[in-house]
PDB file of N, CA and C in Angstrom:
ATOM      1  N   MET A   1     103.355 -72.355  17.328  1.00  0.00           N
ATOM      2  CA  MET A   1     103.979 -72.481  16.033  1.00  0.00           C
ATOM      3  C   MET A   1     105.317 -73.677  16.190  1.00  0.00           C
ATOM      4  N   GLN A   2     105.418 -73.882  17.528  1.00  0.00           N
ATOM      5  CA  GLN A   2     106.771 -74.838  17.574  1.00  0.00           C
ATOM      6  C   GLN A   2     105.985 -76.401  17.555  1.00  0.00           C
ATOM      7  N   ASN A   3     105.175 -76.437  17.685  1.00  0.00           N
ATOM      8  CA  ASN A   3     103.968 -77.907  17.504  1.00  0.00           C
ATOM      9  C   ASN A   3     103.906 -78.196  16.163  1.00  0.00           C
ATOM     10  N   LEU A   4     103.751 -77.088  15.538  1.00  0.00           N
ATOM     11  CA  LEU A   4     103.646 -77.398  14.044  1.00  0.00           C
ATOM     12  C   LEU A   4     105.209 -77.463  13.160  1.00  0.00           C
ATOM     13  N   ILE A   5     105.940 -76.712  13.778  1.00  0.00           N
ATOM     14  CA  ILE A   5     107.612 -77.240  13.144  1.00  0.00           C
ATOM     15  C   ILE A   5     107.842 -78.340  13.729  1.00  0.00           C
ATOM     16  N   THR A   6     107.652 -78.547  15.168  1.00  0.00           N
ATOM     17  CA  THR A   6     108.149 -80.229  15.462  1.00  0.00           C
ATOM     18  C   THR A   6     107.335 -81.404  14.780  1.00  0.00           C
ATOM     19  N   ASP A   7     105.926 -80.910  14.281  1.00  0.00           N
ATOM     20  CA  ASP A   7     105.280 -82.229  13.703  1.00  0.00           C
ATOM     21  C   ASP A   7     105.528 -82.070  11.982  1.00  0.00           C
ATOM     22  N   ASP A   8     106.399 -81.341  11.441  1.00  0.00           N
ATOM     23  CA  ASP A   8     106.337 -80.985  10.057  1.00  0.00           C
ATOM     24  C   ASP A   8     105.305 -80.750   9.236  1.00  0.00           C
ATOM     25  N   GLN A   9     104.875 -79.559   9.741  1.00  0.00           N
ATOM     26  CA  GLN A   9     103.631 -78.920   9.439  1.00  0.00           C
ATOM     27  C   GLN A   9     103.650 -77.548   8.720  1.00  0.00           C
ATOM     28  N   VAL A  10     105.256 -77.677   8.612  1.00  0.00           N
ATOM     29  CA  VAL A  10     105.305 -76.062   8.044  1.00  0.00           C
ATOM     30  C   VAL A  10     105.690 -76.112   6.331  1.00  0.00           C
ATOM     31  N   ALA A  11     105.289 -75.807   5.648  1.00  0.00           N
ATOM     32  CA  ALA A  11     106.289 -75.573   4.192  1.00  0.00           C
ATOM     33  C   ALA A  11     106.701 -74.273   3.900  1.00  0.00           C
ATOM     34  N   MET A  12     108.058 -74.192   3.548  1.00  0.00           N
ATOM     35  CA  MET A  12     108.532 -72.820   3.105  1.00  0.00           C
ATOM     36  C   MET A  12     108.941 -72.863   1.408  1.00  0.00           C
ATOM     37  N   LEU A  13     108.046 -71.868   1.065  1.00  0.00           N
ATOM     38  CA  LEU A  13     108.438 -71.198  -0.620  1.00  0.00           C
ATOM     39  C   LEU A  13     110.047 -70.585  -0.599  1.00  0.00           C
ATOM     40  N   GLY A  14     110.472 -70.906  -1.566  1.00  0.00           N
ATOM     41  CA  GLY A  14     111.898 -70.104  -1.938  1.00  0.00           C
ATOM     42  C   GLY A  14     111.581 -68.701  -2.036  1.00  0.00           C
ATOM     43  N   ALA A  15     110.158 -68.311  -2.306  1.00  0.00           N
ATOM     44  CA  ALA A  15     110.086 -66.850  -2.344  1.00  0.00           C
ATOM     45  C   ALA A  15     109.771 -66.283  -1.079  1.00  0.00           C
ATOM     46  N   ILE A  16     109.266 -66.893  -0.100  1.00  0.00           N
ATOM     47  CA  ILE A  16     108.996 -66.426   1.228  1.00  0.00           C
ATOM     48  C   ILE A  16     110.301 -66.639   1.779  1.00  0.00           C
ATOM     49  N   ARG A  17     111.593 -67.468   1.689  1.00  0.00           N
ATOM     50  CA  ARG A  17     112.575 -67.125   1.950  1.00  0.00           C
ATOM     51  C   ARG A  17     113.696 -66.139   1.711  1.00  0.00           C
ATOM     52  N   GLN A  18     113.411 -65.720   0.536  1.00  0.00           N
ATOM     53  CA  GLN A  18     113.932 -64.483  -0.189  1.00  0.00           C
ATOM     54  C   GLN A  18     113.350 -63.332   0.651  1.00  0.00           C
ATOM     55  N   GLU A  19     112.056 -63.483   0.751  1.00  0.00           N
ATOM     56  CA  GLU A  19     111.303 -61.946   1.362  1.00  0.00           C
ATOM     57  C   GLU A  19     111.756 -61.957   2.783  1.00  0.00           C
ATOM     58  N   ILE A  20     112.000 -63.004   3.509  1.00  0.00           N
ATOM     59  CA  ILE A  20     112.347 -62.937   5.160  1.00  0.00           C
ATOM     60  C   ILE A  20     113.758 -62.547   5.029  1.00  0.00           C
ATOM     61  N   LEU A  21     114.715 -62.955   4.109  1.00  0.00           N
ATOM     62  CA  LEU A  21     116.201 -62.422   4.239  1.00  0.00           C
ATOM     63  C   LEU A  21     116.113 -60.981   3.510  1.00  0.00           C
ATOM     64  N   SER A  22     115.186 -60.841   2.957  1.00  0.00           N
ATOM     65  CA  SER A  22     115.843 -59.514   2.230  1.00  0.00           C
ATOM     66  C   SER A  22     115.544 -58.279   3.054  1.00  0.00           C
ATOM     67  N   GLY A  23     116.550 -57.249   3.156  1.00  0.00           N
ATOM     68  CA  GLY A  23     116.435 -56.137   3.870  1.00  0.00           C
ATOM     69  C   GLY A  23     117.300 -56.332   5.161  1.00  0.00           C
ATOM     70  N   ILE A  24     117.397 -57.168   5.491  1.00  0.00           N
ATOM     71  CA  ILE A  24     118.253 -57.467   6.646  1.00  0.00           C
ATOM     72  C   ILE A  24     120.161 -57.025   6.629  1.00  0.00           C
ATOM     73  N   ARG A  25     120.172 -55.824   7.127  1.00  0.00           N
ATOM     74  CA  ARG A  25     121.356 -54.906   6.918  1.00  0.00           C
ATOM     75  C   ARG A  25     122.738 -55.712   7.655  1.00  0.00           C
ATOM     76  N   ASN A  26     122.144 -56.104   8.619  1.00  0.00           N
ATOM     77  CA  ASN A  26     123.410 -57.117   9.547  1.00  0.00           C
ATOM     78  C   ASN A  26     123.610 -58.260   9.124  1.00  0.00           C
ATOM     79  N   PHE A  27     124.839 -58.308   8.607  1.00  0.00           N
ATOM     80  CA  PHE A  27     125.558 -59.838   8.075  1.00  0.00           C
ATOM     81  C   PHE A  27     125.274 -60.745   9.143  1.00  0.00           C
ATOM     82  N   GLU A  28     125.645 -60.709  10.589  1.00  0.00           N
ATOM     83  CA  GLU A  28     125.602 -61.546  11.399  1.00  0.00           C
ATOM     84  C   GLU A  28     123.961 -61.986  11.678  1.00  0.00           C
ATOM     85  N   GLN A  29     123.156 -60.859  11.834  1.00  0.00           N
ATOM     86  CA  GLN A  29     121.990 -61.431  11.844  1.00  0.00           C
ATOM     87  C   GLN A  29     121.308 -62.042  10.343  1.00  0.00           C
ATOM     88  N   PHE A  30     121.555 -61.959   9.413  1.00  0.00           N
ATOM     89  CA  PHE A  30     121.274 -62.301   7.868  1.00  0.00           C
ATOM     90  C   PHE A  30     121.744 -63.833   7.935  1.00  0.00           C
ATOM     91  N   THR A  31     123.091 -63.864   8.638  1.00  0.00           N
ATOM     92  CA  THR A  31     123.511 -65.430   8.604  1.00  0.00           C
ATOM     93  C   THR A  31     122.942 -66.222   9.457  1.00  0.00           C
ATOM     94  N   CYS A  32     122.360 -65.678  10.852  1.00  0.00           N
ATOM     95  CA  CYS A  32     121.783 -66.281  11.810  1.00  0.00           C
ATOM     96  C   CYS A  32     120.588 -66.921  11.567  1.00  0.00           C
ATOM     97  N   LEU A  33     119.523 -65.670  10.777  1.00  0.00           N
ATOM     98  CA  LEU A  33     118.459 -66.170  10.231  1.00  0.00           C
ATOM     99  C   LEU A  33     118.389 -67.132   9.191  1.00  0.00           C
ATOM    100  N   GLN A  34     119.152 -67.247   8.137  1.00  0.00           N
ATOM    101  CA  GLN A  34     119.770 -68.107   7.159  1.00  0.00           C
ATOM    102  C   GLN A  34     119.682 -69.350   7.595  1.00  0.00           C
ATOM    103  N   ASP A  35     120.605 -69.652   8.743  1.00  0.00           N
ATOM    104  CA  ASP A  35     120.980 -70.990   9.283  1.00  0.00           C
ATOM    105  C   ASP A  35     119.483 -71.457  10.039  1.00  0.00           C
ATOM    106  N   TYR A  36     118.682 -70.660  10.404  1.00  0.00           N
ATOM    107  CA  TYR A  36     117.690 -71.138  11.127  1.00  0.00           C
ATOM    108  C   TYR A  36     116.664 -71.615   9.983  1.00  0.00           C
ATOM    109  N   LEU A  37     116.860 -71.075   9.152  1.00  0.00           N
ATOM    110  CA  LEU A  37     115.788 -71.003   7.831  1.00  0.00           C
ATOM    111  C   LEU A  37     115.838 -72.560   6.847  1.00  0.00           C
ATOM    112  N   GLN A  38     117.502 -72.828   7.338  1.00  0.00           N
ATOM    113  CA  GLN A  38     117.693 -74.095   6.213  1.00  0.00           C
ATOM    114  C   GLN A  38     116.961 -75.147   7.122  1.00  0.00           C
ATOM    115  N   ALA A  39     116.253 -75.246   8.184  1.00  0.00           N
ATOM    116  CA  ALA A  39     115.749 -76.418   8.719  1.00  0.00           C
ATOM    117  C   ALA A  39     114.472 -76.719   7.894  1.00  0.00           C
ATOM    118  N   PHE A  40     114.010 -75.814   7.048  1.00  0.00           N
ATOM    119  CA  PHE A  40     112.801 -75.575   6.270  1.00  0.00           C
ATOM    120  C   PHE A  40     113.248 -75.923   4.789  1.00  0.00           C
ATOM    121  N   PRO A  41     113.032 -77.240   4.158  1.00  0.00           N
ATOM    122  CA  PRO A  41     113.281 -77.254   2.804  1.00  0.00           C
ATOM    123  C   PRO A  41     112.402 -76.571   2.158  1.00  0.00           C
ATOM    124  N   ASP A  42     112.368 -76.218   0.800  1.00  0.00           N
ATOM    125  CA  ASP A  42     111.903 -75.208   0.112  1.00  0.00           C
ATOM    126  C   ASP A  42     110.761 -76.327  -0.720  1.00  0.00           C
ATOM    127  N   LEU A  43     109.403 -76.140  -0.524  1.00  0.00           N
ATOM    128  CA  LEU A  43     108.327 -76.700  -1.164  1.00  0.00           C
ATOM    129  C   LEU A  43     108.659 -76.660  -2.930  1.00  0.00           C
ATOM    130  N   GLU A  44     108.408 -78.042  -3.399  1.00  0.00           N
ATOM    131  CA  GLU A  44     108.690 -77.815  -4.911  1.00  0.00           C
ATOM    132  C   GLU A  44     107.773 -77.550  -5.752  1.00  0.00           C
ATOM    133  N   LEU A  45     107.453 -76.687  -6.290  1.00  0.00           N
ATOM    134  CA  LEU A  45     106.499 -75.750  -7.120  1.00  0.00           C
ATOM    135  C   LEU A  45     106.226 -76.461  -8.512  1.00  0.00           C
ATOM    136  N   ILE A  46     105.201 -76.373  -9.143  1.00  0.00           N
ATOM    137  CA  ILE A  46     104.852 -77.080 -10.440  1.00  0.00           C
ATOM    138  C   ILE A  46     104.268 -75.710 -10.915  1.00  0.00           C
ATOM    139  N   ALA A  47     104.194 -76.113 -12.666  1.00  0.00           N
ATOM    140  CA  ALA A  47     103.617 -75.094 -13.220  1.00  0.00           C
ATOM    141  C   ALA A  47     102.248 -74.670 -12.896  1.00  0.00           C
ATOM    142  N   GLU A  48     101.173 -75.689 -12.463  1.00  0.00           N
ATOM    143  CA  GLU A  48     100.224 -75.095 -11.799  1.00  0.00           C
ATOM    144  C   GLU A  48      99.895 -74.074 -10.780  1.00  0.00           C
ATOM    145  N   ASP A  49     101.009 -74.364 -10.019  1.00  0.00           N
ATOM    146  CA  ASP A  49     101.074 -73.142  -8.859  1.00  0.00           C
ATOM    147  C   ASP A  49     101.273 -71.719  -9.580  1.00  0.00           C
ATOM    148  N   TYR A  50     101.954 -71.836 -10.534  1.00  0.00           N
ATOM    149  CA  TYR A  50     102.375 -70.725 -11.003  1.00  0.00           C
ATOM    150  C   TYR A  50     100.980 -69.870 -11.807  1.00  0.00           C
ATOM    151  N   GLU A  51     100.253 -70.903 -12.985  1.00  0.00           N
ATOM    152  CA  GLU A  51      99.489 -70.843 -13.189  1.00  0.00           C
ATOM    153  C   GLU A  51      98.034 -69.841 -12.633  1.00  0.00           C
ATOM    154  N   LEU A  52      97.972 -70.831 -11.449  1.00  0.00           N
ATOM    155  CA  LEU A  52      96.624 -70.648 -10.274  1.00  0.00           C
ATOM    156  C   LEU A  52      96.674 -69.191 -10.046  1.00  0.00           C
ATOM    157  N   ALA A  53      98.276 -68.994  -9.787  1.00  0.00           N
ATOM    158  CA  ALA A  53      98.515 -67.571  -9.316  1.00  0.00           C
ATOM    159  C   ALA A  53      97.989 -66.495  -9.989  1.00  0.00           C
ATOM    160  N   ALA A  54      98.747 -66.762 -11.427  1.00  0.00           N
ATOM    161  CA  ALA A  54      98.018 -65.593 -12.571  1.00  0.00           C
ATOM    162  C   ALA A  54      96.763 -65.275 -12.574  1.00  0.00           C
ATOM    163  N   GLU A  55      95.926 -66.670 -12.391  1.00  0.00           N
ATOM    164  CA  GLU A  55      94.519 -66.356 -12.399  1.00  0.00           C
ATOM    165  C   GLU A  55      94.365 -65.632 -11.054  1.00  0.00           C
ATOM    166  N   PHE A  56      94.826 -66.026  -9.949  1.00  0.00           N
ATOM    167  CA  PHE A  56      94.008 -65.011  -8.980  1.00  0.00           C
ATOM    168  C   PHE A  56      94.666 -63.679  -9.081  1.00  0.00           C
ATOM    169  N   PHE A  57      95.761 -63.441  -9.641  1.00  0.00           N
ATOM    170  CA  PHE A  57      96.127 -62.021  -9.820  1.00  0.00           C
ATOM    171  C   PHE A  57      95.166 -61.445 -10.612  1.00  0.00           C
ATOM    172  N   ASN A  58      94.563 -62.085 -11.821  1.00  0.00           N
ATOM    173  CA  ASN A  58      93.813 -61.559 -13.026  1.00  0.00           C
ATOM    174  C   ASN A  58      92.575 -61.032 -12.041  1.00  0.00           C
ATOM    175  N   THR A  59      91.854 -62.130 -11.166  1.00  0.00           N
ATOM    176  CA  THR A  59      90.922 -62.194 -10.557  1.00  0.00           C
ATOM    177  C   THR A  59      90.714 -61.006  -9.816  1.00  0.00           C
ATOM    178  N   CYS A  60      91.675 -60.811  -9.162  1.00  0.00           N
ATOM    179  CA  CYS A  60      91.757 -59.900  -8.404  1.00  0.00           C
ATOM    180  C   CYS A  60      92.094 -58.751  -8.761  1.00  0.00           C
ATOM    181  N   ARG A  61      93.008 -58.170  -9.708  1.00  0.00           N
ATOM    182  CA  ARG A  61      92.664 -57.300 -10.448  1.00  0.00           C
ATOM    183  C   ARG A  61      91.814 -56.764 -11.093  1.00  0.00           C
ATOM    184  N   SER A  62      90.708 -57.616 -11.500  1.00  0.00           N
ATOM    185  CA  SER A  62      89.797 -57.374 -12.369  1.00  0.00           C
ATOM    186  C   SER A  62      88.544 -56.913 -11.466  1.00  0.00           C
ATOM    187  N   ASN A  63      88.659 -56.982 -10.082  1.00  0.00           N
ATOM    188  CA  ASN A  63      87.930 -56.110  -8.828  1.00  0.00           C
ATOM    189  C   ASN A  63      88.542 -55.093  -8.303  1.00  0.00           C
ATOM    190  N   GLY A  64      89.756 -54.548  -9.009  1.00  0.00           N
ATOM    191  CA  GLY A  64      90.382 -53.648  -8.169  1.00  0.00           C
ATOM    192  C   GLY A  64      91.216 -54.223  -7.034  1.00  0.00           C
ATOM    193  N   ILE A  65      91.693 -55.274  -6.639  1.00  0.00           N
ATOM    194  CA  ILE A  65      92.209 -55.535  -5.500  1.00  0.00           C
ATOM    195  C   ILE A  65      93.789 -55.953  -6.200  1.00  0.00           C
ATOM    196  N   GLN A  66      95.099 -55.281  -5.856  1.00  0.00           N
ATOM    197  CA  GLN A  66      96.155 -55.289  -5.602  1.00  0.00           C
ATOM    198  C   GLN A  66      96.827 -56.155  -5.023  1.00  0.00           C
ATOM    199  N   GLY A  67      98.039 -57.179  -5.455  1.00  0.00           N
ATOM    200  CA  GLY A  67      98.846 -57.919  -4.731  1.00  0.00           C
ATOM    201  C   GLY A  67     100.013 -57.965  -5.226  1.00  0.00           C
ATOM    202  N   SER A  68     101.230 -58.496  -4.543  1.00  0.00           N
ATOM    203  CA  SER A  68     102.348 -58.791  -5.429  1.00  0.00           C
ATOM    204  C   SER A  68     102.330 -60.163  -6.030  1.00  0.00           C
ATOM    205  N   ASN A  69     102.882 -60.213  -7.091  1.00  0.00           N
ATOM    206  CA  ASN A  69     102.892 -62.213  -7.387  1.00  0.00           C
ATOM    207  C   ASN A  69     103.495 -62.869  -6.442  1.00  0.00           C
ATOM    208  N   THR A  70     104.621 -62.796  -5.630  1.00  0.00           N
ATOM    209  CA  THR A  70     104.693 -63.474  -4.685  1.00  0.00           C
ATOM    210  C   THR A  70     103.382 -63.662  -3.953  1.00  0.00           C
ATOM    211  N   ASP A  71     102.691 -62.707  -3.243  1.00  0.00           N
ATOM    212  CA  ASP A  71     101.528 -63.227  -2.787  1.00  0.00           C
ATOM    213  C   ASP A  71     100.660 -63.939  -3.211  1.00  0.00           C
ATOM    214  N   PHE A  72     100.235 -63.721  -4.557  1.00  0.00           N
ATOM    215  CA  PHE A  72      99.076 -64.792  -4.973  1.00  0.00           C
ATOM    216  C   PHE A  72      99.944 -66.108  -5.590  1.00  0.00           C
ATOM    217  N   LEU A  73     101.348 -66.144  -5.453  1.00  0.00           N
ATOM    218  CA  LEU A  73     101.967 -67.371  -5.937  1.00  0.00           C
ATOM    219  C   LEU A  73     101.686 -68.080  -4.284  1.00  0.00           C
ATOM    220  N   ILE A  74     101.968 -67.424  -3.182  1.00  0.00           N
ATOM    221  CA  ILE A  74     101.938 -68.139  -1.517  1.00  0.00           C
ATOM    222  C   ILE A  74     100.190 -68.448  -1.963  1.00  0.00           C
ATOM    223  N   CYS A  75      99.250 -67.827  -2.243  1.00  0.00           N
ATOM    224  CA  CYS A  75      97.882 -68.247  -1.644  1.00  0.00           C
ATOM    225  C   CYS A  75      97.559 -69.496  -2.739  1.00  0.00           C
ATOM    226  N   ALA A  76      98.101 -69.473  -4.348  1.00  0.00           N
ATOM    227  CA  ALA A  76      97.877 -70.608  -5.292  1.00  0.00           C
ATOM    228  C   ALA A  76      98.154 -72.113  -4.621  1.00  0.00           C
ATOM    229  N   VAL A  77      99.748 -71.712  -4.013  1.00  0.00           N
ATOM    230  CA  VAL A  77      99.996 -73.091  -3.317  1.00  0.00           C
ATOM    231  C   VAL A  77      99.216 -73.700  -1.857  1.00  0.00           C
ATOM    232  N   ALA A  78      98.975 -72.751  -1.423  1.00  0.00           N
ATOM    233  CA  ALA A  78      98.145 -72.886  -0.466  1.00  0.00           C
ATOM    234  C   ALA A  78      96.793 -73.701  -0.562  1.00  0.00           C
ATOM    235  N   HIS A  79      96.326 -73.064  -1.635  1.00  0.00           N
ATOM    236  CA  HIS A  79      94.948 -73.526  -2.116  1.00  0.00           C
ATOM    237  C   HIS A  79      94.948 -74.973  -2.498  1.00  0.00           C
ATOM    238  N   ARG A  80      95.919 -74.803  -3.884  1.00  0.00           N
ATOM    239  CA  ARG A  80      96.003 -76.257  -4.165  1.00  0.00           C
ATOM    240  C   ARG A  80      96.615 -77.574  -3.367  1.00  0.00           C
ATOM    241  N   ARG A  81      96.876 -77.414  -2.186  1.00  0.00           N
ATOM    242  CA  ARG A  81      97.544 -77.967  -1.386  1.00  0.00           C
ATOM    243  C   ARG A  81      96.372 -78.235  -0.051  1.00  0.00           C
ATOM    244  N   SER A  82      95.409 -77.218   0.019  1.00  0.00           N
ATOM    245  CA  SER A  82      94.821 -76.852   1.008  1.00  0.00           C
ATOM    246  C   SER A  82      95.270 -77.020   2.494  1.00  0.00           C
ATOM    247  N   TYR A  83      96.565 -75.838   2.277  1.00  0.00           N
ATOM    248  CA  TYR A  83      97.110 -75.401   3.379  1.00  0.00           C
ATOM    249  C   TYR A  83      96.635 -74.119   4.179  1.00  0.00           C
ATOM    250  N   SER A  84      97.041 -74.138   5.271  1.00  0.00           N
ATOM    251  CA  SER A  84      96.472 -72.989   6.018  1.00  0.00           C
ATOM    252  C   SER A  84      97.837 -72.109   5.711  1.00  0.00           C
ATOM    253  N   ILE A  85      97.530 -70.719   5.862  1.00  0.00           N
ATOM    254  CA  ILE A  85      98.716 -69.298   5.623  1.00  0.00           C
ATOM    255  C   ILE A  85      98.668 -68.849   7.014  1.00  0.00           C
ATOM    256  N   LEU A  86      99.802 -68.862   7.579  1.00  0.00           N
ATOM    257  CA  LEU A  86     100.075 -68.166   8.749  1.00  0.00           C
ATOM    258  C   LEU A  86     101.088 -67.040   8.423  1.00  0.00           C
ATOM    259  N   THR A  87     100.603 -65.901   9.163  1.00  0.00           N
ATOM    260  CA  THR A  87     101.354 -64.621   9.007  1.00  0.00           C
ATOM    261  C   THR A  87     101.127 -63.587   9.828  1.00  0.00           C
ATOM    262  N   LEU A  88     102.012 -62.763  10.368  1.00  0.00           N
ATOM    263  CA  LEU A  88     101.930 -61.354  11.197  1.00  0.00           C
ATOM    264  C   LEU A  88     101.250 -60.270  10.487  1.00  0.00           C
ATOM    265  N   VAL A  89     101.275 -60.499   9.218  1.00  0.00           N
ATOM    266  CA  VAL A  89     100.731 -59.347   8.707  1.00  0.00           C
ATOM    267  C   VAL A  89      99.113 -59.338   8.700  1.00  0.00           C
ATOM    268  N   GLN A  90      98.327 -58.321   9.042  1.00  0.00           N
ATOM    269  CA  GLN A  90      97.067 -58.294   9.591  1.00  0.00           C
ATOM    270  C   GLN A  90      96.537 -57.924   7.724  1.00  0.00           C
ATOM    271  N   ILE A  91      95.448 -58.381   7.758  1.00  0.00           N
ATOM    272  CA  ILE A  91      94.510 -58.018   6.190  1.00  0.00           C
ATOM    273  C   ILE A  91      93.222 -58.009   6.492  1.00  0.00           C
ATOM    274  N   ALA A  92      92.447 -57.577   5.770  1.00  0.00           N
ATOM    275  CA  ALA A  92      91.040 -57.811   5.435  1.00  0.00           C
ATOM    276  C   ALA A  92      90.449 -58.648   4.729  1.00  0.00           C
ATOM    277  N   SER A  93      91.099 -59.847   4.834  1.00  0.00           N
ATOM    278  CA  SER A  93      91.054 -61.097   4.400  1.00  0.00           C
ATOM    279  C   SER A  93      89.501 -61.719   4.099  1.00  0.00           C
ATOM    280  N   SER A  94      88.824 -61.369   4.702  1.00  0.00           N
ATOM    281  CA  SER A  94      87.214 -61.717   4.929  1.00  0.00           C
ATOM    282  C   SER A  94      86.912 -61.173   3.305  1.00  0.00           C
ATOM    283  N   GLN A  95      87.288 -59.913   3.340  1.00  0.00           N
ATOM    284  CA  GLN A  95      86.591 -58.967   2.356  1.00  0.00           C
ATOM    285  C   GLN A  95      86.885 -59.284   0.939  1.00  0.00           C
ATOM    286  N   TYR A  96      88.000 -60.167   0.989  1.00  0.00           N
ATOM    287  CA  TYR A  96      88.539 -60.543  -0.215  1.00  0.00           C
ATOM    288  C   TYR A  96      88.728 -62.086  -0.754  1.00  0.00           C
ATOM    289  N   ALA A  97      87.751 -62.747  -0.030  1.00  0.00           N
ATOM    290  CA  ALA A  97      87.871 -64.126  -0.425  1.00  0.00           C
ATOM    291  C   ALA A  97      87.572 -64.431  -2.044  1.00  0.00           C
ATOM    292  N   LEU A  98      87.907 -65.100  -2.504  1.00  0.00           N
ATOM    293  CA  LEU A  98      87.885 -65.535  -4.036  1.00  0.00           C
ATOM    294  C   LEU A  98      86.423 -66.603  -3.828  1.00  0.00           C
ATOM    295  N   GLN A  99      85.893 -66.694  -4.684  1.00  0.00           N
ATOM    296  CA  GLN A  99      84.810 -67.287  -5.031  1.00  0.00           C
ATOM    297  C   GLN A  99      85.023 -68.483  -5.914  1.00  0.00           C
TER     298      GLN A  99
END
């Protein structure tokens, strides 16, 4: 991860920043993390990102798969730009690959 950061290979969405910071009850921890995250500028989104996110949402929903609007926005942004998504959350992604 350090190499990705050093090589400017990390993109941040405002929605991800919000999710990371949400729920931190200790103000000192919040401000410390907020300061660290300021090293990553928010990726500028366009209407197509939101439209593709809605398309992904609708496709998944019609196949019985649920997700949050933020999840689908992250997927749409990554898909349109051919980015990888790095996460600590374990999902059965191969089960849900979009065709």
